[in-house]
């Protein structure tokens, strides 16, 4: 059984995904790779979909691990999922509270 199978069924709205990618400081290519990981795709499938070699994909995945401070894909999925839960927990209709000294 593959680790991310439960997350493969998770449907993330486009605007939420954009927020997640921004919060994690993902480039466009990194975001596409993470989407493939979340969909539980094999390296070969992700590389093919993005028009790159498997070697190049694995280089990107390694850099993602370093960037996000994770050791493997399971932790990568956990970081993305935790960020998604943070995004869901925000109330978009609520105005942000002012920060700084009051007058």
Protein backbone atom coordinates (compact mmCIF):
# COMPACT_ATOMS: atom_id res chain seq x y z
CA UNK A 1 0.00 0.00 0.00
CA UNK A 2 1.32 3.44 -0.90
CA UNK A 3 1.55 6.06 1.83
CA UNK A 4 -0.20 8.97 0.13
CA UNK A 5 -3.27 7.03 -1.03
CA UNK A 6 -5.57 8.78 1.47
CA UNK A 7 -4.36 12.18 0.30
CA UNK A 8 -4.75 11.29 -3.38
CA UNK A 9 -8.51 11.64 -2.96
CA UNK A 10 -8.22 15.08 -1.38
CA UNK A 11 -9.68 17.75 -3.66
CA UNK A 12 -8.00 21.10 -3.08
CA UNK A 13 -9.69 24.14 -4.59
CA UNK A 14 -7.52 26.16 -6.97
CA UNK A 15 -7.51 29.27 -4.79
CA UNK A 16 -6.56 27.21 -1.72
CA UNK A 17 -3.79 25.50 -3.69
CA UNK A 18 -2.43 28.88 -4.76
CA UNK A 19 -2.39 29.98 -1.11
CA UNK A 20 -0.66 26.76 -0.04
CA UNK A 21 2.00 27.09 -2.75
CA UNK A 22 2.59 30.73 -1.81
CA UNK A 23 2.90 29.96 1.91
CA UNK A 24 5.37 27.19 1.21
CA UNK A 25 7.28 29.46 -1.24
CA UNK A 26 6.92 26.92 -4.05
CA UNK A 27 7.88 27.83 -7.59
CA UNK A 28 5.46 26.90 -10.35
CA UNK A 29 7.45 23.76 -11.19
CA UNK A 30 7.71 22.76 -7.52
CA UNK A 31 3.97 23.21 -7.09
CA UNK A 32 3.30 20.93 -10.06
CA UNK A 33 5.64 18.30 -8.65
CA UNK A 34 3.94 18.46 -5.25
CA UNK A 35 0.56 18.03 -6.95
CA UNK A 36 1.87 14.85 -8.56
CA UNK A 37 3.13 13.58 -5.21
CA UNK A 38 -0.25 14.36 -3.63
CA UNK A 39 -1.96 12.43 -6.42
CA UNK A 40 0.21 9.44 -5.48
CA UNK A 41 1.83 9.34 -8.93
CA UNK A 42 5.08 7.46 -9.51
CA UNK A 43 8.22 9.41 -10.39
CA UNK A 44 7.96 8.28 -13.99
CA UNK A 45 4.38 9.53 -14.24
CA UNK A 46 5.18 12.93 -12.76
CA UNK A 47 8.28 13.35 -14.92
CA UNK A 48 6.38 12.40 -18.06
CA UNK A 49 3.52 14.78 -17.26
CA UNK A 50 5.98 17.64 -16.72
CA UNK A 51 8.19 16.82 -19.69
CA UNK A 52 11.35 16.12 -17.73
CA UNK A 53 13.58 13.16 -17.04
CA UNK A 54 13.13 11.08 -13.91
CA UNK A 55 16.62 12.16 -12.83
CA UNK A 56 15.63 15.85 -13.08
CA UNK A 57 12.40 15.17 -11.20
CA UNK A 58 14.28 13.45 -8.40
CA UNK A 59 16.65 16.42 -8.20
CA UNK A 60 13.64 18.73 -7.81
CA UNK A 61 12.09 16.44 -5.18
CA UNK A 62 15.36 16.39 -3.23
CA UNK A 63 15.48 20.18 -3.29
CA UNK A 64 11.86 20.30 -2.14
CA UNK A 65 12.76 18.06 0.81
CA UNK A 66 15.56 20.46 1.76
CA UNK A 67 13.43 23.57 1.22
CA UNK A 68 10.56 22.26 3.37
CA UNK A 69 12.77 20.55 5.95
CA UNK A 70 11.41 17.07 5.32
CA UNK A 71 13.14 13.73 4.83
CA UNK A 72 10.70 11.88 2.58
CA UNK A 73 7.48 12.13 0.60
CA UNK A 74 5.31 11.17 3.55
CA UNK A 75 6.62 14.17 5.48
CA UNK A 76 6.22 16.33 2.37
CA UNK A 77 2.56 15.36 2.15
CA UNK A 78 2.15 16.03 5.88
CA UNK A 79 3.57 19.56 5.53
CA UNK A 80 1.28 20.32 2.59
CA UNK A 81 -1.73 18.87 4.39
CA UNK A 82 -0.97 20.85 7.58
CA UNK A 83 -0.70 24.02 5.50
CA UNK A 84 -4.01 23.15 3.81
CA UNK A 85 -5.69 22.76 7.20
CA UNK A 86 -4.34 26.18 8.22
CA UNK A 87 -5.79 27.68 5.04
CA UNK A 88 -9.16 26.02 5.68
CA UNK A 89 -9.16 27.29 9.25
CA UNK A 90 -8.98 30.91 8.18
CA UNK A 91 -12.15 32.92 7.95
CA UNK A 92 -11.94 34.74 4.60
CA UNK A 93 -14.84 37.04 5.44
CA UNK A 94 -13.21 38.27 8.63
CA UNK A 95 -11.07 41.40 8.34
CA UNK A 96 -7.53 41.01 9.71
CA UNK A 97 -6.86 42.55 13.08
CA UNK A 98 -4.61 45.60 13.04
CA UNK A 99 -1.03 44.96 14.08
CA UNK A 100 1.21 47.49 15.75
CA UNK A 101 0.81 50.28 18.28
CA UNK A 102 -2.63 51.75 18.66
CA UNK A 103 -3.11 55.48 18.48
